[in-house]
Amino acid sequence: GLGIGPQRLTDPLLQSFGFGSDITIHHPAIDAAFVIQAHDPSHVQQVLFDPTVTQTLLAARDAGRLSIDDERVLLSHDGWAREPRELGGRLGAVHRLALALLDARRRHRAGARS
């Protein structure tokens, strides 16, 4: 199971008291922006540290509030996209992230089998 969500101001404090867990991938921008949880931390660290995933994850984060689990990539935004291009840009960011995650997971699994 995978869970990625935005880092909230209270998350580091709660984690310091043992509430919740956060996997670090040793990428400062990703670690600061997201709370990452997974059943297989090693797998998620390798997938998320992939340069394509890292770039698209940060781009999608800049498009709105991002949430990822095993089945979906969700993006919400506290405002209206008034221009079709603006909405298309946000949807494109989510689409590129979903494709990058799928590709990185496949490559990691294929490498693990070799």
Protein backbone atom coordinates (compact mmCIF):
# COMPACT_ATOMS: atom_id res chain seq x y z
CA GLY A 1 0.00 0.00 0.00
CA LEU A 2 1.11 3.48 -0.87
CA GLY A 3 -0.04 6.79 0.56
CA ILE A 4 1.36 10.19 -0.36
CA GLY A 5 -0.20 13.41 0.81
CA PRO A 6 0.77 16.99 1.50
CA GLN A 7 2.94 17.69 4.52
CA ARG A 8 0.95 19.71 7.07
CA LEU A 9 2.48 22.07 9.59
CA THR A 10 1.66 19.71 12.47
CA ASP A 11 3.01 16.50 10.86
CA PRO A 12 6.68 16.84 11.96
CA LEU A 13 5.61 17.60 15.54
CA LEU A 14 3.22 14.62 15.66
CA GLN A 15 5.89 12.34 14.20
CA SER A 16 8.40 13.48 16.81
CA PHE A 17 5.98 12.14 19.45
CA GLY A 18 5.59 8.82 17.61
CA PHE A 19 2.25 9.51 15.93
CA GLY A 20 2.22 8.53 12.28
CA SER A 21 5.17 7.68 10.12
CA ASP A 22 6.85 9.32 7.20
CA ILE A 23 9.24 7.61 4.81
CA THR A 24 12.05 9.86 3.67
CA ILE A 25 13.46 9.46 0.19
CA HIS A 26 16.40 11.81 0.81
CA HIS A 27 15.22 14.41 -1.69
CA PRO A 28 14.80 17.63 0.34
CA ALA A 29 11.94 19.13 -1.73
CA ILE A 30 9.93 15.88 -1.77
CA ASP A 31 10.56 15.11 1.90
CA ALA A 32 9.51 18.64 2.90
CA ALA A 33 6.38 18.66 0.73
CA PHE A 34 4.89 15.22 1.35
CA VAL A 35 4.08 12.64 3.99
CA ILE A 36 4.91 9.28 2.42
CA GLN A 37 3.68 5.96 3.78
CA ALA A 38 4.10 2.49 2.27
CA HIS A 39 4.22 -1.19 3.15
CA ASP A 40 7.54 -1.50 1.31
CA PRO A 41 9.64 1.60 2.10
CA SER A 42 12.58 0.42 -0.01
CA HIS A 43 10.41 0.08 -3.12
CA VAL A 44 8.76 3.47 -2.67
CA GLN A 45 12.09 5.18 -2.03
CA GLN A 46 13.51 3.82 -5.29
CA VAL A 47 10.40 4.67 -7.30
CA LEU A 48 10.03 8.20 -5.92
CA PHE A 49 13.73 8.99 -6.23
CA ASP A 50 13.55 8.30 -9.98
CA PRO A 51 14.36 11.68 -11.63
CA THR A 52 11.27 11.62 -13.87
CA VAL A 53 8.99 10.86 -10.92
CA THR A 54 10.66 13.52 -8.79
CA GLN A 55 10.22 16.21 -11.47
CA THR A 56 6.60 15.32 -12.23
CA LEU A 57 5.72 14.96 -8.54
CA LEU A 58 6.99 18.48 -7.80
CA ALA A 59 5.25 19.89 -10.89
CA ALA A 60 1.94 18.29 -9.89
CA ARG A 61 2.37 19.57 -6.32
CA ASP A 62 2.66 23.08 -7.71
CA ALA A 63 -0.67 22.61 -9.53
CA GLY A 64 -2.67 22.04 -6.32
CA ARG A 65 -3.13 19.73 -3.33
CA LEU A 66 -1.89 16.31 -4.37
CA SER A 67 -2.83 12.92 -2.94
CA ILE A 68 -1.66 9.53 -4.21
CA ASP A 69 -2.55 5.97 -3.26
CA ASP A 70 -2.31 2.55 -4.93
CA GLU A 71 -5.25 3.27 -7.21
CA ARG A 72 -5.23 6.98 -8.03
CA VAL A 73 -3.54 10.32 -8.24
CA LEU A 74 -5.84 13.10 -7.01
CA LEU A 75 -5.36 16.82 -7.40
CA SER A 76 -7.58 19.42 -5.79
CA HIS A 77 -7.26 23.16 -6.09
CA ASP A 78 -8.84 25.90 -4.01
CA GLY A 79 -9.86 28.03 -6.94
CA TRP A 80 -11.43 27.95 -10.34
CA ALA A 81 -9.43 27.35 -13.47
CA ARG A 82 -10.86 30.18 -15.54
CA GLU A 83 -8.96 29.39 -18.70
CA PRO A 84 -9.04 26.01 -20.49
CA ARG A 85 -5.25 26.15 -20.80
CA GLU A 86 -4.90 26.51 -17.03
CA LEU A 87 -7.12 23.49 -16.39
CA GLY A 88 -5.32 21.56 -19.12
CA GLY A 89 -1.99 22.33 -17.50
CA ARG A 90 -3.14 20.96 -14.14
CA LEU A 91 -4.64 17.85 -15.70
CA GLY A 92 -1.48 17.37 -17.76
CA ALA A 93 0.66 17.53 -14.60
CA VAL A 94 -1.41 14.77 -12.97
CA HIS A 95 -1.35 12.67 -16.14
CA ARG A 96 2.44 12.98 -16.50
CA LEU A 97 2.87 12.02 -12.83
CA ALA A 98 0.65 8.94 -13.16
CA LEU A 99 2.59 7.78 -16.23
CA ALA A 100 5.96 8.43 -14.55
CA LEU A 101 4.90 6.44 -11.47
CA LEU A 102 3.70 3.51 -13.58
CA ASP A 103 6.90 3.48 -15.63
CA ALA A 104 9.20 3.72 -12.59
CA ARG A 105 7.30 0.94 -10.78
CA ARG A 106 7.56 -1.34 -13.81
CA ARG A 107 11.28 -0.66 -14.22
CA HIS A 108 11.94 -1.22 -10.51
CA ARG A 109 9.99 -4.50 -10.49
CA ALA A 110 11.73 -5.70 -13.66
CA GLY A 111 15.12 -4.87 -12.12
CA ALA A 112 14.22 -6.71 -8.91
CA ARG A 113 13.42 -9.88 -10.89
CA SER A 114 16.75 -9.85 -12.76
